[in-house]
């Protein structure tokens, strides 16, 4: 028998556009009229649930992605000129190496007479 490893997807956070309150599914919500247990996704909140700070309805919340990483980062790795897959040291070398090369070219103009 082979066991399949299932990757647990992090739950997305939602921010109230009216007051800035952030609903974190991993923590739940003990504030407000309806208490929500930890681990409850935003989509499964009770129908009458409102923002515990300002009372805005669920339609006023915007998905801001998961807390574990930037939203959409894995999907965007293949775009661009390939620099999205470089490490930070490689990016620094590319940037500062290009600046140093440009400076050398500029200084070489003084050799022309």
N, C-alpha and C. Protein backbone atom coordinates (compact mmCIF):
# COMPACT_ATOMS: atom_id res chain seq x y z
N UNK A 1 0.83 -1.19 0.00
CA UNK A 1 0.00 0.00 0.00
C UNK A 1 0.87 1.24 0.00
N UNK A 2 0.50 2.19 -0.80
CA UNK A 2 1.25 3.43 -0.84
C UNK A 2 0.42 4.53 -0.20
N UNK A 3 1.07 5.27 0.65
CA UNK A 3 0.39 6.38 1.31
C UNK A 3 0.65 7.65 0.54
N UNK A 4 -0.41 8.37 0.24
CA UNK A 4 -0.26 9.64 -0.45
C UNK A 4 -0.04 10.75 0.56
N UNK A 5 0.96 11.55 0.30
CA UNK A 5 1.22 12.71 1.16
C UNK A 5 0.35 13.86 0.68
N UNK A 6 -0.49 14.34 1.55
CA UNK A 6 -1.35 15.46 1.19
C UNK A 6 -0.77 16.73 1.77
N UNK A 7 -0.64 17.71 0.93
CA UNK A 7 -0.11 19.00 1.37
C UNK A 7 -1.27 19.84 1.89
N UNK A 8 -1.15 20.29 3.12
CA UNK A 8 -2.18 21.11 3.73
C UNK A 8 -2.00 22.55 3.24
N UNK A 9 -3.04 23.07 2.62
CA UNK A 9 -3.00 24.44 2.12
C UNK A 9 -3.27 25.41 3.27
N UNK A 10 -2.48 26.46 3.40
CA UNK A 10 -2.75 27.44 4.46
C UNK A 10 -4.05 28.18 4.17
N UNK A 11 -4.77 28.51 5.23
CA UNK A 11 -6.04 29.21 5.08
C UNK A 11 -5.79 30.69 4.83
N UNK A 12 -6.58 31.27 3.93
CA UNK A 12 -6.44 32.68 3.60
C UNK A 12 -7.05 33.56 4.68
N UNK A 13 -6.44 34.73 4.86
CA UNK A 13 -6.95 35.73 5.80
C UNK A 13 -7.84 36.69 5.02
N UNK A 14 -8.75 37.31 5.72
CA UNK A 14 -9.65 38.28 5.10
C UNK A 14 -9.63 39.56 5.93
N UNK A 15 -9.58 40.70 5.23
CA UNK A 15 -9.51 42.00 5.89
C UNK A 15 -10.78 42.78 5.64
N UNK A 16 -11.29 43.38 6.70
CA UNK A 16 -12.47 44.23 6.58
C UNK A 16 -12.06 45.53 5.89
N UNK A 17 -12.76 45.86 4.80
CA UNK A 17 -12.42 47.08 4.07
C UNK A 17 -12.90 48.33 4.78
N UNK A 18 -13.78 48.17 5.74
CA UNK A 18 -14.30 49.33 6.46
C UNK A 18 -13.39 49.76 7.60
N UNK A 19 -12.86 48.79 8.37
CA UNK A 19 -12.09 49.18 9.57
C UNK A 19 -10.69 48.59 9.62
N UNK A 20 -10.38 47.60 8.77
CA UNK A 20 -9.05 47.02 8.76
C UNK A 20 -8.88 45.79 9.63
N UNK A 21 -9.95 45.32 10.26
CA UNK A 21 -9.86 44.10 11.08
C UNK A 21 -9.51 42.93 10.16
N UNK A 22 -8.59 42.07 10.61
CA UNK A 22 -8.17 40.91 9.83
C UNK A 22 -8.67 39.65 10.52
N UNK A 23 -9.49 38.88 9.76
CA UNK A 23 -9.96 37.59 10.27
C UNK A 23 -8.91 36.55 9.95
N UNK A 24 -8.35 35.92 10.98
CA UNK A 24 -7.35 34.87 10.81
C UNK A 24 -8.00 33.54 11.15
N UNK A 25 -8.19 32.67 10.15
CA UNK A 25 -8.87 31.39 10.39
C UNK A 25 -8.16 30.51 11.43
N UNK A 26 -6.84 30.61 11.52
CA UNK A 26 -6.11 29.79 12.49
C UNK A 26 -6.41 30.18 13.93
N UNK A 27 -6.82 31.43 14.14
CA UNK A 27 -7.13 31.92 15.49
C UNK A 27 -8.62 31.93 15.78
N UNK A 28 -9.44 32.02 14.73
CA UNK A 28 -10.88 32.15 14.94
C UNK A 28 -11.23 33.55 15.39
N UNK A 29 -12.38 33.70 16.02
CA UNK A 29 -12.81 35.01 16.49
C UNK A 29 -13.64 34.84 17.75
N UNK A 30 -13.17 35.39 18.84
CA UNK A 30 -13.93 35.34 20.09
C UNK A 30 -14.63 36.67 20.35
N UNK A 31 -14.35 37.65 19.52
CA UNK A 31 -14.97 38.96 19.66
C UNK A 31 -16.33 38.95 18.96
N UNK A 32 -17.15 39.89 19.27
CA UNK A 32 -18.43 40.03 18.58
C UNK A 32 -19.51 39.14 19.18
N UNK A 33 -20.66 39.09 18.48
CA UNK A 33 -21.81 38.35 18.98
C UNK A 33 -21.68 36.85 18.76
N UNK A 34 -21.05 36.44 17.65
CA UNK A 34 -20.93 35.03 17.31
C UNK A 34 -19.47 34.61 17.46
N UNK A 35 -19.20 33.67 18.37
CA UNK A 35 -17.83 33.16 18.55
C UNK A 35 -17.55 32.12 17.48
N UNK A 36 -16.36 32.22 16.86
CA UNK A 36 -15.97 31.30 15.80
C UNK A 36 -14.76 30.52 16.28
N UNK A 37 -14.83 29.17 16.25
CA UNK A 37 -13.68 28.38 16.71
C UNK A 37 -12.49 28.48 15.77
N UNK A 38 -11.31 28.24 16.29
CA UNK A 38 -10.08 28.29 15.49
C UNK A 38 -10.14 27.21 14.42
N UNK A 39 -9.60 27.54 13.23
CA UNK A 39 -9.57 26.59 12.12
C UNK A 39 -10.77 26.70 11.19
N UNK A 40 -11.66 27.65 11.43
CA UNK A 40 -12.84 27.82 10.59
C UNK A 40 -12.50 28.71 9.39
N UNK A 41 -12.57 28.18 8.16
CA UNK A 41 -12.30 29.03 6.99
C UNK A 41 -13.36 30.13 6.87
N UNK A 42 -13.00 31.21 6.21
CA UNK A 42 -13.89 32.35 6.06
C UNK A 42 -15.18 31.95 5.34
N UNK A 43 -15.07 31.05 4.37
CA UNK A 43 -16.22 30.63 3.59
C UNK A 43 -17.23 29.87 4.44
N UNK A 44 -16.81 29.30 5.56
CA UNK A 44 -17.69 28.50 6.41
C UNK A 44 -18.19 29.26 7.64
N UNK A 45 -17.99 30.58 7.67
CA UNK A 45 -18.50 31.38 8.78
C UNK A 45 -20.03 31.37 8.75
N UNK A 46 -20.68 31.49 9.91
CA UNK A 46 -22.15 31.51 9.94
C UNK A 46 -22.69 32.68 9.12
N UNK A 47 -23.89 32.51 8.60
CA UNK A 47 -24.50 33.53 7.73
C UNK A 47 -24.66 34.89 8.39
N UNK A 48 -24.92 34.92 9.68
CA UNK A 48 -25.13 36.19 10.36
C UNK A 48 -23.86 36.79 10.92
N UNK A 49 -22.71 36.21 10.61
CA UNK A 49 -21.45 36.71 11.16
C UNK A 49 -21.13 38.07 10.57
N UNK A 50 -20.70 39.00 11.41
CA UNK A 50 -20.31 40.34 10.98
C UNK A 50 -18.97 40.68 11.59
N UNK A 51 -18.35 41.72 11.07
CA UNK A 51 -17.06 42.17 11.60
C UNK A 51 -17.23 42.48 13.10
N UNK A 52 -16.40 41.88 13.94
CA UNK A 52 -16.56 42.12 15.38
C UNK A 52 -16.19 43.53 15.82
N UNK A 53 -15.50 44.28 14.97
CA UNK A 53 -15.08 45.63 15.35
C UNK A 53 -16.11 46.67 14.92
N UNK A 54 -16.50 46.64 13.62
CA UNK A 54 -17.39 47.69 13.11
C UNK A 54 -18.77 47.19 12.69
N UNK A 55 -18.97 45.87 12.66
CA UNK A 55 -20.28 45.33 12.32
C UNK A 55 -20.55 45.23 10.83
N UNK A 56 -19.52 45.35 9.99
CA UNK A 56 -19.70 45.26 8.54
C UNK A 56 -20.04 43.82 8.15
N UNK A 57 -20.85 43.63 7.10
CA UNK A 57 -21.18 42.27 6.67
C UNK A 57 -19.99 41.58 6.00
N UNK A 58 -20.12 40.28 5.78
CA UNK A 58 -19.04 39.49 5.18
C UNK A 58 -18.68 39.99 3.78
N UNK A 59 -19.60 40.61 3.08
CA UNK A 59 -19.32 41.10 1.73
C UNK A 59 -18.30 42.24 1.73
N UNK A 60 -18.05 42.85 2.88
CA UNK A 60 -17.09 43.95 2.98
C UNK A 60 -15.66 43.47 3.24
N UNK A 61 -15.44 42.15 3.26
CA UNK A 61 -14.12 41.60 3.51
C UNK A 61 -13.44 41.25 2.21
N UNK A 62 -12.12 41.49 2.15
CA UNK A 62 -11.31 41.18 0.97
C UNK A 62 -10.26 40.14 1.34
N UNK A 63 -10.04 39.20 0.44
CA UNK A 63 -9.05 38.15 0.65
C UNK A 63 -7.66 38.77 0.54
N UNK A 64 -6.84 38.62 1.59
CA UNK A 64 -5.48 39.16 1.56
C UNK A 64 -4.43 38.06 1.55
N UNK A 65 -4.86 36.81 1.31
CA UNK A 65 -3.91 35.70 1.21
C UNK A 65 -3.56 35.11 2.55
N UNK A 66 -2.68 34.12 2.50
CA UNK A 66 -2.32 33.43 3.73
C UNK A 66 -1.20 34.17 4.46
N UNK A 67 -1.06 33.87 5.73
CA UNK A 67 -0.04 34.51 6.55
C UNK A 67 1.33 33.89 6.32
N UNK A 68 1.35 32.63 5.83
CA UNK A 68 2.60 31.90 5.67
C UNK A 68 3.49 32.46 4.57
N UNK A 69 2.93 33.04 3.55
CA UNK A 69 3.75 33.56 2.46
C UNK A 69 3.00 34.59 1.64
N UNK A 70 3.70 35.28 0.77
CA UNK A 70 3.04 36.27 -0.07
C UNK A 70 2.04 35.62 -1.01
N UNK A 71 0.94 36.29 -1.22
CA UNK A 71 -0.12 35.77 -2.07
C UNK A 71 0.33 35.72 -3.53
N UNK A 72 0.18 34.57 -4.16
CA UNK A 72 0.48 34.42 -5.58
C UNK A 72 1.94 34.28 -5.91
N UNK A 73 2.83 34.16 -4.92
CA UNK A 73 4.26 34.14 -5.21
C UNK A 73 4.66 32.90 -6.00
N UNK A 74 4.17 31.72 -5.62
CA UNK A 74 4.54 30.49 -6.31
C UNK A 74 4.08 30.51 -7.76
N UNK A 75 2.95 31.12 -8.03
CA UNK A 75 2.42 31.16 -9.39
C UNK A 75 3.24 32.09 -10.28
N UNK A 76 3.90 33.08 -9.71
CA UNK A 76 4.62 34.08 -10.49
C UNK A 76 6.10 33.77 -10.68
N UNK A 77 6.59 32.65 -10.18
CA UNK A 77 8.01 32.34 -10.29
C UNK A 77 8.47 32.18 -11.74
N UNK A 78 7.61 31.75 -12.63
CA UNK A 78 8.01 31.49 -14.01
C UNK A 78 7.92 32.70 -14.92
N UNK A 79 7.47 33.84 -14.42
CA UNK A 79 7.35 35.03 -15.24
C UNK A 79 8.63 35.85 -15.20
N UNK A 80 8.77 36.75 -16.14
CA UNK A 80 9.94 37.62 -16.17
C UNK A 80 11.07 37.02 -16.97
N UNK A 81 12.26 37.48 -16.72
CA UNK A 81 13.44 37.04 -17.47
C UNK A 81 14.21 35.97 -16.72
N UNK A 82 13.59 35.29 -15.79
CA UNK A 82 14.25 34.25 -15.05
C UNK A 82 14.85 34.70 -13.74
N UNK A 83 14.74 35.97 -13.43
CA UNK A 83 15.34 36.47 -12.19
C UNK A 83 14.50 36.16 -10.97
N UNK A 84 13.26 35.72 -11.15
CA UNK A 84 12.41 35.38 -10.00
C UNK A 84 12.90 34.15 -9.28
N UNK A 85 13.68 33.30 -9.95
CA UNK A 85 14.16 32.07 -9.31
C UNK A 85 15.55 32.24 -8.71
N UNK A 86 16.16 33.43 -8.85
CA UNK A 86 17.50 33.67 -8.30
C UNK A 86 17.43 33.88 -6.79
N UNK A 87 18.50 33.52 -6.11
CA UNK A 87 18.57 33.79 -4.68
C UNK A 87 18.86 35.27 -4.46
N UNK A 88 18.74 35.72 -3.23
CA UNK A 88 18.99 37.14 -2.96
C UNK A 88 20.46 37.50 -3.21
N UNK A 89 21.38 36.58 -2.95
CA UNK A 89 22.80 36.86 -3.21
C UNK A 89 23.05 37.00 -4.72
N UNK A 90 22.40 36.15 -5.51
CA UNK A 90 22.57 36.23 -6.96
C UNK A 90 21.97 37.52 -7.51
N UNK A 91 20.84 37.94 -6.96
CA UNK A 91 20.23 39.19 -7.40
C UNK A 91 21.12 40.38 -7.04
N UNK A 92 21.70 40.37 -5.83
CA UNK A 92 22.62 41.45 -5.44
C UNK A 92 23.83 41.50 -6.36
N UNK A 93 24.38 40.35 -6.70
CA UNK A 93 25.53 40.29 -7.60
C UNK A 93 25.16 40.84 -8.97
N UNK A 94 23.99 40.50 -9.46
CA UNK A 94 23.53 40.98 -10.76
C UNK A 94 23.33 42.51 -10.75
N UNK A 95 22.70 43.02 -9.72
CA UNK A 95 22.43 44.46 -9.64
C UNK A 95 23.71 45.25 -9.47
N UNK A 96 24.49 44.92 -8.44
CA UNK A 96 25.68 45.72 -8.16
C UNK A 96 26.79 45.46 -9.16
N UNK A 97 26.83 44.26 -9.74
CA UNK A 97 27.78 44.00 -10.82
C UNK A 97 27.46 44.84 -12.05
N UNK A 98 26.17 44.97 -12.36
CA UNK A 98 25.76 45.82 -13.48
C UNK A 98 26.09 47.28 -13.23
N UNK A 99 25.89 47.74 -11.99
CA UNK A 99 26.23 49.13 -11.66
C UNK A 99 27.74 49.37 -11.77
N UNK A 100 28.54 48.41 -11.29
CA UNK A 100 30.00 48.55 -11.37
C UNK A 100 30.45 48.55 -12.83
N UNK A 101 29.87 47.70 -13.66
CA UNK A 101 30.22 47.66 -15.07
C UNK A 101 29.84 48.98 -15.76
N UNK A 102 28.67 49.50 -15.43
CA UNK A 102 28.27 50.80 -15.98
C UNK A 102 29.21 51.91 -15.56
N UNK A 103 29.66 51.89 -14.31
CA UNK A 103 30.59 52.89 -13.83
C UNK A 103 31.93 52.79 -14.58
N UNK A 104 32.40 51.56 -14.81
CA UNK A 104 33.65 51.37 -15.57
C UNK A 104 33.51 51.88 -16.99
N UNK A 105 32.39 51.63 -17.63
CA UNK A 105 32.17 52.15 -18.99
C UNK A 105 32.16 53.68 -18.98
N UNK A 106 31.51 54.26 -17.97
CA UNK A 106 31.47 55.72 -17.87
C UNK A 106 32.88 56.30 -17.68
N UNK A 107 33.65 55.67 -16.82
CA UNK A 107 35.01 56.15 -16.56
C UNK A 107 35.90 55.96 -17.79
N UNK A 108 35.61 54.95 -18.62
CA UNK A 108 36.43 54.73 -19.81
C UNK A 108 36.23 55.84 -20.85
N UNK A 109 35.16 56.62 -20.72
CA UNK A 109 34.94 57.72 -21.64
C UNK A 109 36.00 58.80 -21.47
N UNK A 110 36.61 58.89 -20.28
CA UNK A 110 37.67 59.87 -20.05
C UNK A 110 38.92 59.53 -20.83
N UNK A 111 39.09 58.24 -21.21
CA UNK A 111 40.26 57.84 -21.98
C UNK A 111 40.18 58.30 -23.43
N UNK A 112 38.97 58.61 -23.89
CA UNK A 112 38.81 59.08 -25.28
C UNK A 112 39.25 60.54 -25.37
N UNK A 113 39.97 60.87 -26.44
CA UNK A 113 40.37 62.25 -26.64
C UNK A 113 40.10 62.69 -28.04
